[in-house]
Structures are given as C-alpha cells and as structure tokens.
Amino acid sequence: MKTLFNRFVKDEDGATAIEYGLIAALIAVAIIGVVRGMGENLSTTFNTVNDALN
C-alpha cells in the first residue's frame, strides 16, 4: 500500500494534462480578445465605407 501511495504522489501525468489545459485556455482567451478587437475595427471600417458610398 505504501508503494502504491508513493507512486501516486510521484505521478505527474495528471499535472501535465492540467498544464496543457491551462495553456489551451489562455490561448483561447487571447484569440477571443483579438477577434473581438478586430471585429469592432472591421465594423467601423465597413460603416465608414457604407456611409461614403451613400
């Protein structure tokens, strides 16, 4: 039983999976932020072009 507990404590596979999950979440948040910023700029640009054409 002691050997099983020691193996469990030393096992880092779960920690690695959590780290990859956190990295993926941070990348997703960064992408969402960039897309929202670009979306607002594109909307303004299209509105300006639309006004100029009218």
PDB file of N, CA and C in Angstrom:
ATOM      1  N   MET A   1       0.825  -1.192   0.000  1.00  0.00           N
ATOM      2  CA  MET A   1       0.000   0.000   0.000  1.00  0.00           C
ATOM      3  C   MET A   1       0.872   1.259   0.000  1.00  0.00           C
ATOM      4  N   LYS A   2       1.960   1.216   0.742  1.00  0.00           N
ATOM      5  CA  LYS A   2       2.868   2.356   0.793  1.00  0.00           C
ATOM      6  C   LYS A   2       3.491   2.614  -0.573  1.00  0.00           C
ATOM      7  N   THR A   3       3.835   1.555  -1.293  1.00  0.00           N
ATOM      8  CA  THR A   3       4.412   1.688  -2.627  1.00  0.00           C
ATOM      9  C   THR A   3       3.407   2.323  -3.585  1.00  0.00           C
ATOM     10  N   LEU A   4       2.158   1.907  -3.484  1.00  0.00           N
ATOM     11  CA  LEU A   4       1.105   2.474  -4.341  1.00  0.00           C
ATOM     12  C   LEU A   4       0.932   3.960  -4.064  1.00  0.00           C
ATOM     13  N   PHE A   5       0.940   4.335  -2.784  1.00  0.00           N
ATOM     14  CA  PHE A   5       0.799   5.744  -2.421  1.00  0.00           C
ATOM     15  C   PHE A   5       1.981   6.562  -2.933  1.00  0.00           C
ATOM     16  N   ASN A   6       3.197   6.036  -2.805  1.00  0.00           N
ATOM     17  CA  ASN A   6       4.393   6.740  -3.286  1.00  0.00           C
ATOM     18  C   ASN A   6       4.354   6.935  -4.796  1.00  0.00           C
ATOM     19  N   ARG A   7       3.907   5.899  -5.514  1.00  0.00           N
ATOM     20  CA  ARG A   7       3.781   6.025  -6.972  1.00  0.00           C
ATOM     21  C   ARG A   7       2.753   7.094  -7.330  1.00  0.00           C
ATOM     22  N   PHE A   8       1.649   7.141  -6.579  1.00  0.00           N
ATOM     23  CA  PHE A   8       0.605   8.134  -6.834  1.00  0.00           C
ATOM     24  C   PHE A   8       1.132   9.544  -6.607  1.00  0.00           C
ATOM     25  N   VAL A   9       1.895   9.743  -5.556  1.00  0.00           N
ATOM     26  CA  VAL A   9       2.433  11.066  -5.237  1.00  0.00           C
ATOM     27  C   VAL A   9       3.439  11.515  -6.290  1.00  0.00           C
ATOM     28  N   LYS A  10       4.240  10.582  -6.804  1.00  0.00           N
ATOM     29  CA  LYS A  10       5.286  10.930  -7.773  1.00  0.00           C
ATOM     30  C   LYS A  10       4.755  11.033  -9.205  1.00  0.00           C
ATOM     31  N   ASP A  11       3.545  10.557  -9.452  1.00  0.00           N
ATOM     32  CA  ASP A  11       2.977  10.573 -10.802  1.00  0.00           C
ATOM     33  C   ASP A  11       2.651  12.003 -11.210  1.00  0.00           C
ATOM     34  N   GLU A  12       3.207  12.467 -12.326  1.00  0.00           N
ATOM     35  CA  GLU A  12       2.998  13.829 -12.790  1.00  0.00           C
ATOM     36  C   GLU A  12       2.185  13.893 -14.083  1.00  0.00           C
ATOM     37  N   ASP A  13       1.632  12.791 -14.531  1.00  0.00           N
ATOM     38  CA  ASP A  13       0.853  12.796 -15.769  1.00  0.00           C
ATOM     39  C   ASP A  13      -0.371  13.695 -15.665  1.00  0.00           C
ATOM     40  N   GLY A  14      -1.068  13.654 -14.549  1.00  0.00           N
ATOM     41  CA  GLY A  14      -2.245  14.499 -14.356  1.00  0.00           C
ATOM     42  C   GLY A  14      -1.875  15.968 -14.344  1.00  0.00           C
ATOM     43  N   ALA A  15      -0.757  16.286 -13.703  1.00  0.00           N
ATOM     44  CA  ALA A  15      -0.313  17.678 -13.652  1.00  0.00           C
ATOM     45  C   ALA A  15       0.010  18.190 -15.053  1.00  0.00           C
ATOM     46  N   THR A  16       0.603  17.348 -15.862  1.00  0.00           N
ATOM     47  CA  THR A  16       0.931  17.751 -17.230  1.00  0.00           C
ATOM     48  C   THR A  16      -0.345  18.026 -18.019  1.00  0.00           C
ATOM     49  N   ALA A  17      -1.344  17.187 -17.856  1.00  0.00           N
ATOM     50  CA  ALA A  17      -2.606  17.386 -18.560  1.00  0.00           C
ATOM     51  C   ALA A  17      -3.263  18.690 -18.126  1.00  0.00           C
ATOM     52  N   ILE A  18      -3.202  18.990 -16.841  1.00  0.00           N
ATOM     53  CA  ILE A  18      -3.784  20.236 -16.348  1.00  0.00           C
ATOM     54  C   ILE A  18      -3.025  21.432 -16.911  1.00  0.00           C
ATOM     55  N   GLU A  19      -1.719  21.340 -16.972  1.00  0.00           N
ATOM     56  CA  GLU A  19      -0.920  22.434 -17.529  1.00  0.00           C
ATOM     57  C   GLU A  19      -1.265  22.675 -18.993  1.00  0.00           C
ATOM     58  N   TYR A  20      -1.395  21.602 -19.762  1.00  0.00           N
ATOM     59  CA  TYR A  20      -1.775  21.764 -21.169  1.00  0.00           C
ATOM     60  C   TYR A  20      -3.170  22.375 -21.285  1.00  0.00           C
ATOM     61  N   GLY A  21      -4.072  21.983 -20.410  1.00  0.00           N
ATOM     62  CA  GLY A  21      -5.413  22.560 -20.416  1.00  0.00           C
ATOM     63  C   GLY A  21      -5.394  24.046 -20.117  1.00  0.00           C
ATOM     64  N   LEU A  22      -4.577  24.452 -19.147  1.00  0.00           N
ATOM     65  CA  LEU A  22      -4.463  25.878 -18.823  1.00  0.00           C
ATOM     66  C   LEU A  22      -3.855  26.672 -19.969  1.00  0.00           C
ATOM     67  N   ILE A  23      -2.845  26.109 -20.611  1.00  0.00           N
ATOM     68  CA  ILE A  23      -2.233  26.789 -21.759  1.00  0.00           C
ATOM     69  C   ILE A  23      -3.254  26.951 -22.880  1.00  0.00           C
ATOM     70  N   ALA A  24      -4.023  25.895 -23.155  1.00  0.00           N
ATOM     71  CA  ALA A  24      -5.045  25.968 -24.198  1.00  0.00           C
ATOM     72  C   ALA A  24      -6.100  27.018 -23.854  1.00  0.00           C
ATOM     73  N   ALA A  25      -6.480  27.102 -22.586  1.00  0.00           N
ATOM     74  CA  ALA A  25      -7.470  28.091 -22.170  1.00  0.00           C
ATOM     75  C   ALA A  25      -6.929  29.512 -22.341  1.00  0.00           C
ATOM     76  N   LEU A  26      -5.675  29.731 -21.986  1.00  0.00           N
ATOM     77  CA  LEU A  26      -5.079  31.064 -22.147  1.00  0.00           C
ATOM     78  C   LEU A  26      -4.980  31.461 -23.617  1.00  0.00           C
ATOM     79  N   ILE A  27      -4.625  30.508 -24.465  1.00  0.00           N
ATOM     80  CA  ILE A  27      -4.558  30.788 -25.901  1.00  0.00           C
ATOM     81  C   ILE A  27      -5.949  31.122 -26.433  1.00  0.00           C
ATOM     82  N   ALA A  28      -6.964  30.387 -25.971  1.00  0.00           N
ATOM     83  CA  ALA A  28      -8.333  30.652 -26.412  1.00  0.00           C
ATOM     84  C   ALA A  28      -8.781  32.046 -25.993  1.00  0.00           C
ATOM     85  N   VAL A  29      -8.455  32.448 -24.766  1.00  0.00           N
ATOM     86  CA  VAL A  29      -8.828  33.787 -24.295  1.00  0.00           C
ATOM     87  C   VAL A  29      -8.131  34.859 -25.131  1.00  0.00           C
ATOM     88  N   ALA A  30      -6.869  34.635 -25.455  1.00  0.00           N
ATOM     89  CA  ALA A  30      -6.133  35.599 -26.281  1.00  0.00           C
ATOM     90  C   ALA A  30      -6.757  35.698 -27.667  1.00  0.00           C
ATOM     91  N   ILE A  31      -7.110  34.579 -28.259  1.00  0.00           N
ATOM     92  CA  ILE A  31      -7.720  34.584 -29.592  1.00  0.00           C
ATOM     93  C   ILE A  31      -9.058  35.313 -29.558  1.00  0.00           C
ATOM     94  N   ILE A  32      -9.858  35.053 -28.537  1.00  0.00           N
ATOM     95  CA  ILE A  32     -11.162  35.718 -28.420  1.00  0.00           C
ATOM     96  C   ILE A  32     -10.976  37.228 -28.314  1.00  0.00           C
ATOM     97  N   GLY A  33      -9.999  37.653 -27.529  1.00  0.00           N
ATOM     98  CA  GLY A  33      -9.739  39.087 -27.388  1.00  0.00           C
ATOM     99  C   GLY A  33      -9.335  39.731 -28.694  1.00  0.00           C
ATOM    100  N   VAL A  34      -8.471  39.073 -29.435  1.00  0.00           N
ATOM    101  CA  VAL A  34      -8.014  39.615 -30.720  1.00  0.00           C
ATOM    102  C   VAL A  34      -9.162  39.669 -31.720  1.00  0.00           C
ATOM    103  N   VAL A  35      -9.957  38.629 -31.777  1.00  0.00           N
ATOM    104  CA  VAL A  35     -11.072  38.591 -32.731  1.00  0.00           C
ATOM    105  C   VAL A  35     -12.105  39.655 -32.389  1.00  0.00           C
ATOM    106  N   ARG A  36     -12.377  39.857 -31.110  1.00  0.00           N
ATOM    107  CA  ARG A  36     -13.344  40.902 -30.731  1.00  0.00           C
ATOM    108  C   ARG A  36     -12.826  42.280 -31.125  1.00  0.00           C
ATOM    109  N   GLY A  37     -11.538  42.519 -30.877  1.00  0.00           N
ATOM    110  CA  GLY A  37     -10.956  43.810 -31.245  1.00  0.00           C
ATOM    111  C   GLY A  37     -10.984  44.039 -32.739  1.00  0.00           C
ATOM    112  N   MET A  38     -10.636  43.016 -33.497  1.00  0.00           N
ATOM    113  CA  MET A  38     -10.651  43.144 -34.953  1.00  0.00           C
ATOM    114  C   MET A  38     -12.078  43.304 -35.462  1.00  0.00           C
ATOM    115  N   GLY A  39     -13.015  42.623 -34.838  1.00  0.00           N
ATOM    116  CA  GLY A  39     -14.413  42.718 -35.260  1.00  0.00           C
ATOM    117  C   GLY A  39     -14.953  44.125 -35.115  1.00  0.00           C
ATOM    118  N   GLU A  40     -14.611  44.767 -34.011  1.00  0.00           N
ATOM    119  CA  GLU A  40     -15.071  46.140 -33.810  1.00  0.00           C
ATOM    120  C   GLU A  40     -14.434  47.078 -34.833  1.00  0.00           C
ATOM    121  N   ASN A  41     -13.151  46.885 -35.112  1.00  0.00           N
ATOM    122  CA  ASN A  41     -12.470  47.728 -36.112  1.00  0.00           C
ATOM    123  C   ASN A  41     -13.049  47.498 -37.497  1.00  0.00           C
ATOM    124  N   LEU A  42     -13.307  46.251 -37.843  1.00  0.00           N
ATOM    125  CA  LEU A  42     -13.887  45.963 -39.159  1.00  0.00           C
ATOM    126  C   LEU A  42     -15.283  46.544 -39.285  1.00  0.00           C
ATOM    127  N   SER A  43     -16.045  46.465 -38.223  1.00  0.00           N
ATOM    128  CA  SER A  43     -17.391  47.033 -38.248  1.00  0.00           C
ATOM    129  C   SER A  43     -17.337  48.532 -38.495  1.00  0.00           C
ATOM    130  N   THR A  44     -16.439  49.214 -37.825  1.00  0.00           N
ATOM    131  CA  THR A  44     -16.277  50.653 -38.023  1.00  0.00           C
ATOM    132  C   THR A  44     -15.848  50.961 -39.449  1.00  0.00           C
ATOM    133  N   THR A  45     -14.919  50.170 -39.964  1.00  0.00           N
ATOM    134  CA  THR A  45     -14.438  50.380 -41.334  1.00  0.00           C
ATOM    135  C   THR A  45     -15.563  50.180 -42.343  1.00  0.00           C
ATOM    136  N   PHE A  46     -16.337  49.117 -42.191  1.00  0.00           N
ATOM    137  CA  PHE A  46     -17.431  48.861 -43.124  1.00  0.00           C
ATOM    138  C   PHE A  46     -18.501  49.948 -43.029  1.00  0.00           C
ATOM    139  N   ASN A  47     -18.767  50.443 -41.835  1.00  0.00           N
ATOM    140  CA  ASN A  47     -19.739  51.526 -41.686  1.00  0.00           C
ATOM    141  C   ASN A  47     -19.243  52.801 -42.367  1.00  0.00           C
ATOM    142  N   THR A  48     -17.952  53.068 -42.258  1.00  0.00           N
ATOM    143  CA  THR A  48     -17.379  54.246 -42.904  1.00  0.00           C
ATOM    144  C   THR A  48     -17.466  54.129 -44.426  1.00  0.00           C
ATOM    145  N   VAL A  49     -17.156  52.958 -44.943  1.00  0.00           N
ATOM    146  CA  VAL A  49     -17.232  52.727 -46.402  1.00  0.00           C
ATOM    147  C   VAL A  49     -18.682  52.827 -46.861  1.00  0.00           C
ATOM    148  N   ASN A  50     -19.609  52.275 -46.082  1.00  0.00           N
ATOM    149  CA  ASN A  50     -21.016  52.330 -46.436  1.00  0.00           C
ATOM    150  C   ASN A  50     -21.519  53.769 -46.469  1.00  0.00           C
ATOM    151  N   ASP A  51     -21.116  54.553 -45.476  1.00  0.00           N
ATOM    152  CA  ASP A  51     -21.509  55.964 -45.457  1.00  0.00           C
ATOM    153  C   ASP A  51     -20.932  56.722 -46.643  1.00  0.00           C
ATOM    154  N   ALA A  52     -19.693  56.414 -46.992  1.00  0.00           N
ATOM    155  CA  ALA A  52     -19.049  57.097 -48.128  1.00  0.00           C
ATOM    156  C   ALA A  52     -19.739  56.744 -49.443  1.00  0.00           C
ATOM    157  N   LEU A  53     -20.194  55.511 -49.572  1.00  0.00           N
ATOM    158  CA  LEU A  53     -20.866  55.097 -50.805  1.00  0.00           C
ATOM    159  C   LEU A  53     -22.268  55.689 -50.914  1.00  0.00           C
ATOM    160  N   ASN A  54     -22.896  55.926 -49.789  1.00  0.00           N
ATOM    161  CA  ASN A  54     -24.245  56.513 -49.804  1.00  0.00           C
ATOM    162  C   ASN A  54     -24.109  57.979 -50.033  1.00  0.00           C
TER     163      ASN A  54
END
